Each structure stands twice: as structure tokens, then as C-alpha cells.
Amino acid sequence: MHRKHHRGRCNNPICCPPNVLPTRVAPTRVSPTQEVVKTNIINTVVPHVHPIHTTTVNRHVIHNEHFFPRTESVVNQFVRGADRFPMGTGGFGGNAGFGGTGGVGGIGGMNRRRRFGF
């Protein structure tokens, strides 16, 4: 079995050394881009302020109570009136008695009561 390498170039039936040609660069073949996802986790604190204002209203309800206290007083007045002698009398007893012609207790004398209004 004889093998022939490089057809027609080699006279030796066994094998010839290969001819090394300079390296050529072929046009670039670009495969579709493969997507690789690399995830970085970064923790961030965002403060949210929700202010609340509370107003306390103290409502004072005033209930007015009205009182009408009464006091009473009594005043007794004693007024001395003018002394009255009935007409025609002259004095004590008889003609000079307390009132009448008959002396003390006669007809027009002190037996008559005076009214003072109380």
C-alpha cells in the first residue's frame, strides 16, 4: 500500500515533507452575540417622612346658673301724731278733763281708739 501525499508533487512514493505557506487571515466571521446577564445588587435606603400634626382642642362649655336670693326685712315705724283734743273740751276732768264733758272716760274722751295702721 502506497500512499501518496500531495498528489503530483512528490516523487518519492513514501512521503514528502509538507510545504508550509505563510499564514493568511481570513475574513472575520461574527457569531450572533450571546447575552450574559450579570446582576449587581445595591441596597439603597430612601427615607420617606410622613409628618402628622395633632391639634388638641379643649372646648370649655360654660353653663350659667342664675340665682335670685331674696332677703326680707320689716321696719316698724312709730310716728307720734299731734295730740288731739275734741272741740269744746277744756282740759282735765269736768271742763278740764281728758276729752269730754264727763271727765276721764267721758263721751268724747280717750275711749276713742286711734288706729295706727298696724
PDB file of N, CA and C in Angstrom:
ATOM      1  N   MET A   1       0.796  -1.157   0.000  1.00  0.00           N
ATOM      2  CA  MET A   1       0.000   0.000   0.000  1.00  0.00           C
ATOM      3  C   MET A   1       0.846   1.230   0.000  1.00  0.00           C
ATOM      4  N   HIS A   2       0.614   1.865  -0.953  1.00  0.00           N
ATOM      5  CA  HIS A   2       1.389   3.078  -1.069  1.00  0.00           C
ATOM      6  C   HIS A   2       0.477   4.260  -0.932  1.00  0.00           C
ATOM      7  N   ARG A   3       0.925   5.126  -0.198  1.00  0.00           N
ATOM      8  CA  ARG A   3       0.162   6.353  -0.030  1.00  0.00           C
ATOM      9  C   ARG A   3       0.882   7.478  -0.719  1.00  0.00           C
ATOM     10  N   LYS A   4       0.066   8.286  -1.260  1.00  0.00           N
ATOM     11  CA  LYS A   4       0.679   9.413  -1.924  1.00  0.00           C
ATOM     12  C   LYS A   4       0.126  10.654  -1.267  1.00  0.00           C
ATOM     13  N   HIS A   5       1.013  11.398  -0.827  1.00  0.00           N
ATOM     14  CA  HIS A   5       0.644  12.684  -0.256  1.00  0.00           C
ATOM     15  C   HIS A   5       0.923  13.746  -1.289  1.00  0.00           C
ATOM     16  N   HIS A   6       0.174  14.727  -1.269  1.00  0.00           N
ATOM     17  CA  HIS A   6       0.374  15.871  -2.144  1.00  0.00           C
ATOM     18  C   HIS A   6       0.501  15.396  -3.565  1.00  0.00           C
ATOM     19  N   ARG A   7      -0.512  15.087  -4.098  1.00  0.00           N
ATOM     20  CA  ARG A   7      -0.574  14.478  -5.410  1.00  0.00           C
ATOM     21  C   ARG A   7       0.213  15.251  -6.457  1.00  0.00           C
ATOM     22  N   GLY A   8       1.026  14.582  -7.035  1.00  0.00           N
ATOM     23  CA  GLY A   8       1.778  15.130  -8.138  1.00  0.00           C
ATOM     24  C   GLY A   8       2.950  15.965  -7.730  1.00  0.00           C
ATOM     25  N   ARG A   9       3.202  16.123  -6.556  1.00  0.00           N
ATOM     26  CA  ARG A   9       4.304  16.982  -6.197  1.00  0.00           C
ATOM     27  C   ARG A   9       5.489  16.174  -5.667  1.00  0.00           C
ATOM     28  N   CYS A  10       5.161  15.148  -5.240  1.00  0.00           N
ATOM     29  CA  CYS A  10       6.217  14.396  -4.580  1.00  0.00           C
ATOM     30  C   CYS A  10       6.618  13.193  -5.480  1.00  0.00           C
ATOM     31  N   ASN A  11       7.907  13.026  -5.664  1.00  0.00           N
ATOM     32  CA  ASN A  11       8.357  11.913  -6.458  1.00  0.00           C
ATOM     33  C   ASN A  11       8.597  10.690  -5.583  1.00  0.00           C
ATOM     34  N   ASN A  12       8.738  10.904  -4.451  1.00  0.00           N
ATOM     35  CA  ASN A  12       9.009   9.822  -3.527  1.00  0.00           C
ATOM     36  C   ASN A  12       7.688   9.136  -3.217  1.00  0.00           C
ATOM     37  N   PRO A  13       7.676   7.834  -3.377  1.00  0.00           N
ATOM     38  CA  PRO A  13       6.414   7.178  -3.125  1.00  0.00           C
ATOM     39  C   PRO A  13       6.033   7.162  -1.678  1.00  0.00           C
ATOM     40  N   ILE A  14       6.912   7.396  -0.741  1.00  0.00           N
ATOM     41  CA  ILE A  14       6.575   7.293   0.671  1.00  0.00           C
ATOM     42  C   ILE A  14       5.944   8.579   1.130  1.00  0.00           C
ATOM     43  N   CYS A  15       6.675   9.618   1.234  1.00  0.00           N
ATOM     44  CA  CYS A  15       6.092  10.879   1.733  1.00  0.00           C
ATOM     45  C   CYS A  15       7.076  11.987   1.476  1.00  0.00           C
ATOM     46  N   CYS A  16       6.563  13.128   1.243  1.00  0.00           N
ATOM     47  CA  CYS A  16       7.366  14.331   1.065  1.00  0.00           C
ATOM     48  C   CYS A  16       7.134  15.234   2.264  1.00  0.00           C
ATOM     49  N   PRO A  17       8.103  16.016   2.580  1.00  0.00           N
ATOM     50  CA  PRO A  17       7.836  16.980   3.638  1.00  0.00           C
ATOM     51  C   PRO A  17       6.862  18.045   3.133  1.00  0.00           C
ATOM     52  N   PRO A  18       5.983  18.505   4.001  1.00  0.00           N
ATOM     53  CA  PRO A  18       4.969  19.469   3.558  1.00  0.00           C
ATOM     54  C   PRO A  18       5.591  20.838   3.329  1.00  0.00           C
ATOM     55  N   ASN A  19       5.043  21.533   2.457  1.00  0.00           N
ATOM     56  CA  ASN A  19       5.433  22.919   2.244  1.00  0.00           C
ATOM     57  C   ASN A  19       4.575  23.783   3.187  1.00  0.00           C
ATOM     58  N   VAL A  20       5.215  24.579   3.979  1.00  0.00           N
ATOM     59  CA  VAL A  20       4.481  25.457   4.916  1.00  0.00           C
ATOM     60  C   VAL A  20       4.405  26.831   4.279  1.00  0.00           C
ATOM     61  N   LEU A  21       3.231  27.254   4.057  1.00  0.00           N
ATOM     62  CA  LEU A  21       2.993  28.547   3.447  1.00  0.00           C
ATOM     63  C   LEU A  21       2.749  29.578   4.554  1.00  0.00           C
ATOM     64  N   PRO A  22       2.900  30.861   4.252  1.00  0.00           N
ATOM     65  CA  PRO A  22       2.656  31.860   5.274  1.00  0.00           C
ATOM     66  C   PRO A  22       1.165  31.865   5.677  1.00  0.00           C
ATOM     67  N   THR A  23       0.930  32.233   6.909  1.00  0.00           N
ATOM     68  CA  THR A  23      -0.420  32.229   7.476  1.00  0.00           C
ATOM     69  C   THR A  23      -1.208  33.371   6.862  1.00  0.00           C
ATOM     70  N   ARG A  24      -2.382  33.018   6.441  1.00  0.00           N
ATOM     71  CA  ARG A  24      -3.265  34.036   5.888  1.00  0.00           C
ATOM     72  C   ARG A  24      -4.379  34.317   6.888  1.00  0.00           C
ATOM     73  N   VAL A  25      -4.932  35.490   6.819  1.00  0.00           N
ATOM     74  CA  VAL A  25      -6.045  35.849   7.691  1.00  0.00           C
ATOM     75  C   VAL A  25      -7.282  35.893   6.829  1.00  0.00           C
ATOM     76  N   ALA A  26      -8.236  35.070   7.240  1.00  0.00           N
ATOM     77  CA  ALA A  26      -9.491  35.011   6.509  1.00  0.00           C
ATOM     78  C   ALA A  26     -10.421  36.102   7.016  1.00  0.00           C
ATOM     79  N   PRO A  27     -11.439  36.413   6.255  1.00  0.00           N
ATOM     80  CA  PRO A  27     -12.383  37.404   6.754  1.00  0.00           C
ATOM     81  C   PRO A  27     -13.047  36.906   8.047  1.00  0.00           C
ATOM     82  N   THR A  28     -13.329  37.839   8.915  1.00  0.00           N
ATOM     83  CA  THR A  28     -13.866  37.513  10.236  1.00  0.00           C
ATOM     84  C   THR A  28     -15.305  37.059  10.100  1.00  0.00           C
ATOM     85  N   ARG A  29     -15.584  36.009  10.787  1.00  0.00           N
ATOM     86  CA  ARG A  29     -16.961  35.533  10.888  1.00  0.00           C
ATOM     87  C   ARG A  29     -17.452  35.900  12.295  1.00  0.00           C
ATOM     88  N   VAL A  30     -18.590  36.605  12.366  1.00  0.00           N
ATOM     89  CA  VAL A  30     -19.122  37.044  13.661  1.00  0.00           C
ATOM     90  C   VAL A  30     -20.354  36.215  13.957  1.00  0.00           C
ATOM     91  N   SER A  31     -20.283  35.526  15.057  1.00  0.00           N
ATOM     92  CA  SER A  31     -21.433  34.754  15.511  1.00  0.00           C
ATOM     93  C   SER A  31     -22.414  35.713  16.167  1.00  0.00           C
ATOM     94  N   PRO A  32     -23.665  35.297  16.247  1.00  0.00           N
ATOM     95  CA  PRO A  32     -24.616  36.171  16.958  1.00  0.00           C
ATOM     96  C   PRO A  32     -24.164  36.366  18.408  1.00  0.00           C
ATOM     97  N   THR A  33     -24.401  37.561  18.891  1.00  0.00           N
ATOM     98  CA  THR A  33     -23.952  37.896  20.249  1.00  0.00           C
ATOM     99  C   THR A  33     -24.751  37.096  21.247  1.00  0.00           C
ATOM    100  N   GLN A  34     -24.023  36.518  22.137  1.00  0.00           N
ATOM    101  CA  GLN A  34     -24.647  35.765  23.226  1.00  0.00           C
ATOM    102  C   GLN A  34     -24.784  36.728  24.406  1.00  0.00           C
ATOM    103  N   GLU A  35     -25.977  36.808  24.971  1.00  0.00           N
ATOM    104  CA  GLU A  35     -26.197  37.756  26.060  1.00  0.00           C
ATOM    105  C   GLU A  35     -25.983  37.065  27.386  1.00  0.00           C
ATOM    106  N   VAL A  36     -25.130  37.656  28.172  1.00  0.00           N
ATOM    107  CA  VAL A  36     -24.860  37.170  29.519  1.00  0.00           C
ATOM    108  C   VAL A  36     -25.295  38.293  30.464  1.00  0.00           C
ATOM    109  N   VAL A  37     -26.159  37.975  31.440  1.00  0.00           N
ATOM    110  CA  VAL A  37     -26.651  38.981  32.378  1.00  0.00           C
ATOM    111  C   VAL A  37     -25.898  38.829  33.680  1.00  0.00           C
ATOM    112  N   LYS A  38     -25.255  39.887  34.064  1.00  0.00           N
ATOM    113  CA  LYS A  38     -24.552  39.918  35.351  1.00  0.00           C
ATOM    114  C   LYS A  38     -25.319  40.914  36.215  1.00  0.00           C
ATOM    115  N   THR A  39     -25.812  40.469  37.362  1.00  0.00           N
ATOM    116  CA  THR A  39     -26.642  41.300  38.220  1.00  0.00           C
ATOM    117  C   THR A  39     -25.833  41.788  39.412  1.00  0.00           C
ATOM    118  N   ASN A  40     -25.842  43.080  39.606  1.00  0.00           N
ATOM    119  CA  ASN A  40     -25.237  43.685  40.796  1.00  0.00           C
ATOM    120  C   ASN A  40     -26.378  44.183  41.668  1.00  0.00           C
ATOM    121  N   ILE A  41     -26.424  43.810  42.908  1.00  0.00           N
ATOM    122  CA  ILE A  41     -27.470  44.240  43.839  1.00  0.00           C
ATOM    123  C   ILE A  41     -26.872  45.299  44.752  1.00  0.00           C
ATOM    124  N   ILE A  42     -27.471  46.483  44.703  1.00  0.00           N
ATOM    125  CA  ILE A  42     -27.025  47.598  45.534  1.00  0.00           C
ATOM    126  C   ILE A  42     -28.208  48.013  46.392  1.00  0.00           C
ATOM    127  N   ASN A  43     -28.077  47.871  47.690  1.00  0.00           N
ATOM    128  CA  ASN A  43     -29.154  48.244  48.618  1.00  0.00           C
ATOM    129  C   ASN A  43     -29.061  49.730  48.915  1.00  0.00           C
ATOM    130  N   THR A  44     -30.174  50.414  48.706  1.00  0.00           N
ATOM    131  CA  THR A  44     -30.242  51.845  48.965  1.00  0.00           C
ATOM    132  C   THR A  44     -31.457  52.104  49.841  1.00  0.00           C
ATOM    133  N   VAL A  45     -31.261  52.837  50.927  1.00  0.00           N
ATOM    134  CA  VAL A  45     -32.359  53.199  51.825  1.00  0.00           C
ATOM    135  C   VAL A  45     -32.821  54.597  51.451  1.00  0.00           C
ATOM    136  N   VAL A  46     -34.120  54.725  51.158  1.00  0.00           N
ATOM    137  CA  VAL A  46     -34.718  56.026  50.853  1.00  0.00           C
ATOM    138  C   VAL A  46     -35.670  56.357  51.996  1.00  0.00           C
ATOM    139  N   PRO A  47     -35.319  57.327  52.844  1.00  0.00           N
ATOM    140  CA  PRO A  47     -36.221  57.681  53.945  1.00  0.00           C
ATOM    141  C   PRO A  47     -37.450  58.424  53.410  1.00  0.00           C
ATOM    142  N   HIS A  48     -38.622  57.994  53.833  1.00  0.00           N
ATOM    143  CA  HIS A  48     -39.876  58.660  53.500  1.00  0.00           C
ATOM    144  C   HIS A  48     -40.449  59.213  54.797  1.00  0.00           C
ATOM    145  N   VAL A  49     -40.630  60.513  54.849  1.00  0.00           N
ATOM    146  CA  VAL A  49     -41.133  61.169  56.047  1.00  0.00           C
ATOM    147  C   VAL A  49     -42.594  61.518  55.790  1.00  0.00           C
ATOM    148  N   HIS A  50     -43.472  61.064  56.686  1.00  0.00           N
ATOM    149  CA  HIS A  50     -44.894  61.361  56.598  1.00  0.00           C
ATOM    150  C   HIS A  50     -45.292  62.092  57.877  1.00  0.00           C
ATOM    151  N   PRO A  51     -45.142  63.415  57.909  1.00  0.00           N
ATOM    152  CA  PRO A  51     -45.426  64.147  59.158  1.00  0.00           C
ATOM    153  C   PRO A  51     -46.921  64.210  59.445  1.00  0.00           C
ATOM    154  N   ILE A  52     -47.240  64.174  60.731  1.00  0.00           N
ATOM    155  CA  ILE A  52     -48.619  64.291  61.204  1.00  0.00           C
ATOM    156  C   ILE A  52     -48.622  65.336  62.311  1.00  0.00           C
ATOM    157  N   HIS A  53     -49.557  66.262  62.221  1.00  0.00           N
ATOM    158  CA  HIS A  53     -49.717  67.268  63.275  1.00  0.00           C
ATOM    159  C   HIS A  53     -51.062  67.035  63.948  1.00  0.00           C
ATOM    160  N   THR A  54     -51.051  66.947  65.257  1.00  0.00           N
ATOM    161  CA  THR A  54     -52.283  66.762  66.026  1.00  0.00           C
ATOM    162  C   THR A  54     -52.531  68.026  66.830  1.00  0.00           C
ATOM    163  N   THR A  55     -53.706  68.615  66.661  1.00  0.00           N
ATOM    164  CA  THR A  55     -54.107  69.779  67.447  1.00  0.00           C
ATOM    165  C   THR A  55     -55.157  69.319  68.441  1.00  0.00           C
ATOM    166  N   THR A  56     -54.906  69.551  69.713  1.00  0.00           N
ATOM    167  CA  THR A  56     -55.870  69.208  70.754  1.00  0.00           C
ATOM    168  C   THR A  56     -56.698  70.436  71.060  1.00  0.00           C
ATOM    169  N   VAL A  57     -57.998  70.331  70.914  1.00  0.00           N
ATOM    170  CA  VAL A  57     -58.914  71.438  71.190  1.00  0.00           C
ATOM    171  C   VAL A  57     -59.611  71.132  72.507  1.00  0.00           C
ATOM    172  N   ASN A  58     -59.403  71.987  73.478  1.00  0.00           N
ATOM    173  CA  ASN A  58     -60.086  71.860  74.760  1.00  0.00           C
ATOM    174  C   ASN A  58     -61.299  72.781  74.723  1.00  0.00           C
ATOM    175  N   ARG A  59     -62.466  72.212  74.566  1.00  0.00           N
ATOM    176  CA  ARG A  59     -63.690  73.001  74.468  1.00  0.00           C
ATOM    177  C   ARG A  59     -64.308  73.090  75.853  1.00  0.00           C
ATOM    178  N   HIS A  60     -64.373  74.294  76.363  1.00  0.00           N
ATOM    179  CA  HIS A  60     -64.951  74.532  77.676  1.00  0.00           C
ATOM    180  C   HIS A  60     -66.379  75.025  77.474  1.00  0.00           C
ATOM    181  N   VAL A  61     -67.330  74.286  77.953  1.00  0.00           N
ATOM    182  CA  VAL A  61     -68.735  74.677  77.849  1.00  0.00           C
ATOM    183  C   VAL A  61     -69.144  75.253  79.197  1.00  0.00           C
ATOM    184  N   ILE A  62     -69.578  76.480  79.191  1.00  0.00           N
ATOM    185  CA  ILE A  62     -69.933  77.163  80.429  1.00  0.00           C
ATOM    186  C   ILE A  62     -71.452  77.141  80.562  1.00  0.00           C
ATOM    187  N   HIS A  63     -71.925  76.597  81.648  1.00  0.00           N
ATOM    188  CA  HIS A  63     -73.350  76.573  81.954  1.00  0.00           C
ATOM    189  C   HIS A  63     -73.581  77.601  83.063  1.00  0.00           C
ATOM    190  N   ASN A  64     -74.286  78.656  82.731  1.00  0.00           N
ATOM    191  CA  ASN A  64     -74.535  79.711  83.701  1.00  0.00           C
ATOM    192  C   ASN A  64     -75.787  79.383  84.496  1.00  0.00           C
ATOM    193  N   GLU A  65     -75.656  79.417  85.787  1.00  0.00           N
ATOM    194  CA  GLU A  65     -76.799  79.230  86.671  1.00  0.00           C
ATOM    195  C   GLU A  65     -77.075  80.569  87.339  1.00  0.00           C
ATOM    196  N   HIS A  66     -78.318  80.984  87.274  1.00  0.00           N
ATOM    197  CA  HIS A  66     -78.692  82.277  87.842  1.00  0.00           C
ATOM    198  C   HIS A  66     -79.494  82.039  89.128  1.00  0.00           C
ATOM    199  N   PHE A  67     -79.088  82.729  90.156  1.00  0.00           N
ATOM    200  CA  PHE A  67     -79.748  82.626  91.444  1.00  0.00           C
ATOM    201  C   PHE A  67     -80.282  84.008  91.805  1.00  0.00           C
ATOM    202  N   PHE A  68     -81.429  84.027  92.420  1.00  0.00           N
ATOM    203  CA  PHE A  68     -82.034  85.283  92.836  1.00  0.00           C
ATOM    204  C   PHE A  68     -82.368  85.198  94.319  1.00  0.00           C
ATOM    205  N   PRO A  69     -81.382  85.304  95.168  1.00  0.00           N
ATOM    206  CA  PRO A  69     -81.674  85.218  96.609  1.00  0.00           C
ATOM    207  C   PRO A  69     -82.444  86.474  97.052  1.00  0.00           C
ATOM    208  N   ARG A  70     -83.381  86.257  97.952  1.00  0.00           N
ATOM    209  CA  ARG A  70     -84.184  87.368  98.482  1.00  0.00           C
ATOM    210  C   ARG A  70     -83.993  87.470  99.976  1.00  0.00           C
ATOM    211  N   THR A  71     -83.968  88.654 100.373  1.00  0.00           N
ATOM    212  CA  THR A  71     -83.970  88.914 101.813  1.00  0.00           C
ATOM    213  C   THR A  71     -85.196  89.769 102.095  1.00  0.00           C
ATOM    214  N   GLU A  72     -85.684  89.652 103.283  1.00  0.00           N
ATOM    215  CA  GLU A  72     -86.838  90.457 103.689  1.00  0.00           C
ATOM    216  C   GLU A  72     -86.504  91.154 104.991  1.00  0.00           C
ATOM    217  N   SER A  73     -87.018  92.289 105.083  1.00  0.00           N
ATOM    218  CA  SER A  73     -86.866  92.994 106.348  1.00  0.00           C
ATOM    219  C   SER A  73     -88.192  93.705 106.650  1.00  0.00           C
ATOM    220  N   VAL A  74     -88.413  93.884 107.919  1.00  0.00           N
ATOM    221  CA  VAL A  74     -89.629  94.551 108.382  1.00  0.00           C
ATOM    222  C   VAL A  74     -89.186  95.760 109.194  1.00  0.00           C
ATOM    223  N   VAL A  75     -89.721  96.875 108.848  1.00  0.00           N
ATOM    224  CA  VAL A  75     -89.418  98.086 109.588  1.00  0.00           C
ATOM    225  C   VAL A  75     -90.714  98.540 110.255  1.00  0.00           C
ATOM    226  N   ASN A  76     -90.670  98.649 111.548  1.00  0.00           N
ATOM    227  CA  ASN A  76     -91.813  99.164 112.301  1.00  0.00           C
ATOM    228  C   ASN A  76     -91.534 100.631 112.611  1.00  0.00           C
ATOM    229  N   GLN A  77     -92.368 101.458 112.087  1.00  0.00           N
ATOM    230  CA  GLN A  77     -92.212 102.884 112.356  1.00  0.00           C
ATOM    231  C   GLN A  77     -93.317 103.337 113.311  1.00  0.00           C
ATOM    232  N   PHE A  78     -92.906 104.047 114.275  1.00  0.00           N
ATOM    233  CA  PHE A  78     -93.850 104.644 115.209  1.00  0.00           C
ATOM    234  C   PHE A  78     -93.728 106.151 115.056  1.00  0.00           C
ATOM    235  N   VAL A  79     -94.787 106.706 114.586  1.00  0.00           N
ATOM    236  CA  VAL A  79     -94.791 108.149 114.387  1.00  0.00           C
ATOM    237  C   VAL A  79     -95.767 108.752 115.390  1.00  0.00           C
ATOM    238  N   ARG A  80     -95.323 109.697 116.072  1.00  0.00           N
ATOM    239  CA  ARG A  80     -96.205 110.346 117.048  1.00  0.00           C
ATOM    240  C   ARG A  80     -96.957 111.457 116.331  1.00  0.00           C
ATOM    241  N   GLY A  81     -98.228 111.305 116.338  1.00  0.00           N
ATOM    242  CA  GLY A  81     -99.049 112.335 115.726  1.00  0.00           C
ATOM    243  C   GLY A  81     -99.308 113.466 116.720  1.00  0.00           C
ATOM    244  N   ALA A  82     -99.910 114.469 116.270  1.00  0.00           N
ATOM    245  CA  ALA A  82    -100.249 115.601 117.138  1.00  0.00           C
ATOM    246  C   ALA A  82    -101.335 115.164 118.115  1.00  0.00           C
ATOM    247  N   ASP A  83    -101.257 115.619 119.330  1.00  0.00           N
ATOM    248  CA  ASP A  83    -102.295 115.304 120.309  1.00  0.00           C
ATOM    249  C   ASP A  83    -103.586 115.971 119.882  1.00  0.00           C
ATOM    250  N   ARG A  84    -104.661 115.216 119.938  1.00  0.00           N
ATOM    251  CA  ARG A  84    -105.941 115.787 119.543  1.00  0.00           C
ATOM    252  C   ARG A  84    -106.877 115.833 120.745  1.00  0.00           C
ATOM    253  N   PHE A  85    -107.451 116.903 120.840  1.00  0.00           N
ATOM    254  CA  PHE A  85    -108.482 117.058 121.857  1.00  0.00           C
ATOM    255  C   PHE A  85    -109.765 117.422 121.134  1.00  0.00           C
ATOM    256  N   PRO A  86    -110.876 116.772 121.496  1.00  0.00           N
ATOM    257  CA  PRO A  86    -112.128 117.129 120.831  1.00  0.00           C
ATOM    258  C   PRO A  86    -112.492 118.577 121.110  1.00  0.00           C
ATOM    259  N   MET A  87    -113.171 119.104 120.215  1.00  0.00           N
ATOM    260  CA  MET A  87    -113.538 120.514 120.328  1.00  0.00           C
ATOM    261  C   MET A  87    -114.524 120.730 121.482  1.00  0.00           C
ATOM    262  N   GLY A  88    -114.366 121.772 122.084  1.00  0.00           N
ATOM    263  CA  GLY A  88    -115.274 122.123 123.167  1.00  0.00           C
ATOM    264  C   GLY A  88    -114.829 121.572 124.500  1.00  0.00           C
ATOM    265  N   THR A  89    -113.692 120.963 124.547  1.00  0.00           N
ATOM    266  CA  THR A  89    -113.234 120.483 125.847  1.00  0.00           C
ATOM    267  C   THR A  89    -112.186 121.439 126.347  1.00  0.00           C
ATOM    268  N   GLY A  90    -112.098 121.527 127.589  1.00  0.00           N
ATOM    269  CA  GLY A  90    -111.182 122.497 128.145  1.00  0.00           C
ATOM    270  C   GLY A  90    -109.988 121.898 128.815  1.00  0.00           C
ATOM    271  N   GLY A  91    -109.948 120.635 129.039  1.00  0.00           N
ATOM    272  CA  GLY A  91    -108.773 120.125 129.707  1.00  0.00           C
ATOM    273  C   GLY A  91    -109.088 118.882 130.479  1.00  0.00           C
ATOM    274  N   PHE A  92    -108.591 118.780 131.715  1.00  0.00           N
ATOM    275  CA  PHE A  92    -108.723 117.568 132.514  1.00  0.00           C
ATOM    276  C   PHE A  92    -109.959 117.600 133.371  1.00  0.00           C
ATOM    277  N   GLY A  93    -110.716 116.528 133.354  1.00  0.00           N
ATOM    278  CA  GLY A  93    -111.860 116.366 134.256  1.00  0.00           C
ATOM    279  C   GLY A  93    -112.877 117.502 134.118  1.00  0.00           C
ATOM    280  N   GLY A  94    -114.052 117.210 134.175  1.00  0.00           N
ATOM    281  CA  GLY A  94    -115.085 118.252 134.047  1.00  0.00           C
ATOM    282  C   GLY A  94    -114.795 119.061 132.813  1.00  0.00           C
ATOM    283  N   ASN A  95    -114.627 120.310 133.054  1.00  0.00           N
ATOM    284  CA  ASN A  95    -114.271 121.159 131.930  1.00  0.00           C
ATOM    285  C   ASN A  95    -112.791 121.029 131.597  1.00  0.00           C
ATOM    286  N   ALA A  96    -112.034 120.507 132.496  1.00  0.00           N
ATOM    287  CA  ALA A  96    -110.604 120.370 132.236  1.00  0.00           C
ATOM    288  C   ALA A  96    -110.211 118.916 132.069  1.00  0.00           C
ATOM    289  N   GLY A  97    -111.133 117.991 131.747  1.00  0.00           N
ATOM    290  CA  GLY A  97    -110.833 116.557 131.657  1.00  0.00           C
ATOM    291  C   GLY A  97    -110.154 116.151 130.362  1.00  0.00           C
ATOM    292  N   PHE A  98    -109.969 114.850 130.231  1.00  0.00           N
ATOM    293  CA  PHE A  98    -109.272 114.356 129.075  1.00  0.00           C
ATOM    294  C   PHE A  98    -110.115 114.377 127.827  1.00  0.00           C
ATOM    295  N   GLY A  99    -111.137 114.831 127.743  1.00  0.00           N
ATOM    296  CA  GLY A  99    -111.833 114.785 126.484  1.00  0.00           C
ATOM    297  C   GLY A  99    -113.229 115.320 126.573  1.00  0.00           C
ATOM    298  N   GLY A 100    -113.989 114.824 127.298  1.00  0.00           N
ATOM    299  CA  GLY A 100    -115.367 115.241 127.164  1.00  0.00           C
ATOM    300  C   GLY A 100    -115.857 115.968 128.403  1.00  0.00           C
ATOM    301  N   THR A 101    -117.070 116.086 128.396  1.00  0.00           N
ATOM    302  CA  THR A 101    -117.686 116.818 129.479  1.00  0.00           C
ATOM    303  C   THR A 101    -117.723 116.000 130.749  1.00  0.00           C
ATOM    304  N   GLY A 102    -117.555 114.738 130.671  1.00  0.00           N
ATOM    305  CA  GLY A 102    -117.676 113.919 131.864  1.00  0.00           C
ATOM    306  C   GLY A 102    -116.371 113.612 132.530  1.00  0.00           C
ATOM    307  N   GLY A 103    -115.298 114.244 132.164  1.00  0.00           N
ATOM    308  CA  GLY A 103    -114.010 113.970 132.787  1.00  0.00           C
ATOM    309  C   GLY A 103    -113.331 112.787 132.123  1.00  0.00           C
ATOM    310  N   VAL A 104    -112.513 112.065 132.844  1.00  0.00           N
ATOM    311  CA  VAL A 104    -111.778 110.936 132.295  1.00  0.00           C
ATOM    312  C   VAL A 104    -112.769 109.880 131.907  1.00  0.00           C
ATOM    313  N   GLY A 105    -112.686 109.429 130.682  1.00  0.00           N
ATOM    314  CA  GLY A 105    -113.597 108.404 130.209  1.00  0.00           C
ATOM    315  C   GLY A 105    -114.931 108.955 129.828  1.00  0.00           C
ATOM    316  N   GLY A 106    -115.058 110.243 129.643  1.00  0.00           N
ATOM    317  CA  GLY A 106    -116.315 110.846 129.266  1.00  0.00           C
ATOM    318  C   GLY A 106    -116.649 110.538 127.818  1.00  0.00           C
ATOM    319  N   ILE A 107    -117.622 111.238 127.310  1.00  0.00           N
ATOM    320  CA  ILE A 107    -118.165 110.924 125.994  1.00  0.00           C
ATOM    321  C   ILE A 107    -117.146 111.148 124.889  1.00  0.00           C
ATOM    322  N   GLY A 108    -116.457 112.184 124.859  1.00  0.00           N
ATOM    323  CA  GLY A 108    -115.545 112.436 123.752  1.00  0.00           C
ATOM    324  C   GLY A 108    -114.102 112.203 124.124  1.00  0.00           C
ATOM    325  N   GLY A 109    -113.858 111.483 125.194  1.00  0.00           N
ATOM    326  CA  GLY A 109    -112.501 111.374 125.721  1.00  0.00           C
ATOM    327  C   GLY A 109    -111.654 110.289 125.063  1.00  0.00           C
ATOM    328  N   MET A 110    -110.747 109.730 125.859  1.00  0.00           N
ATOM    329  CA  MET A 110    -109.747 108.789 125.370  1.00  0.00           C
ATOM    330  C   MET A 110    -110.310 107.415 125.112  1.00  0.00           C
ATOM    331  N   ASN A 111    -111.606 107.218 125.320  1.00  0.00           N
ATOM    332  CA  ASN A 111    -112.147 105.905 124.994  1.00  0.00           C
ATOM    333  C   ASN A 111    -112.149 105.656 123.488  1.00  0.00           C
ATOM    334  N   ARG A 112    -112.043 106.704 122.770  1.00  0.00           N
ATOM    335  CA  ARG A 112    -111.976 106.546 121.326  1.00  0.00           C
ATOM    336  C   ARG A 112    -110.597 105.982 120.950  1.00  0.00           C
ATOM    337  N   ARG A 113    -110.587 104.951 120.174  1.00  0.00           N
ATOM    338  CA  ARG A 113    -109.288 104.342 119.832  1.00  0.00           C
ATOM    339  C   ARG A 113    -108.701 104.987 118.581  1.00  0.00           C
ATOM    340  N   ARG A 114    -107.424 105.174 118.620  1.00  0.00           N
ATOM    341  CA  ARG A 114    -106.720 105.674 117.433  1.00  0.00           C
ATOM    342  C   ARG A 114    -106.167 104.468 116.663  1.00  0.00           C
ATOM    343  N   ARG A 115    -106.267 104.523 115.405  1.00  0.00           N
ATOM    344  CA  ARG A 115    -105.740 103.422 114.590  1.00  0.00           C
ATOM    345  C   ARG A 115    -104.441 103.861 113.948  1.00  0.00           C
ATOM    346  N   PHE A 116    -103.384 103.015 114.058  1.00  0.00           N
ATOM    347  CA  PHE A 116    -102.080 103.380 113.551  1.00  0.00           C
ATOM    348  C   PHE A 116    -101.722 102.648 112.238  1.00  0.00           C
ATOM    349  N   GLY A 117    -102.485 101.787 111.737  1.00  0.00           N
ATOM    350  CA  GLY A 117    -102.157 101.106 110.503  1.00  0.00           C
ATOM    351  C   GLY A 117    -101.404  99.795 110.704  1.00  0.00           C
ATOM    352  N   PHE A 118    -101.289  99.375 111.934  1.00  0.00           N
ATOM    353  CA  PHE A 118    -100.687  98.040 112.171  1.00  0.00           C
ATOM    354  C   PHE A 118    -101.397  97.365 113.279  1.00  0.00           C
TER     355      PHE A 118
END
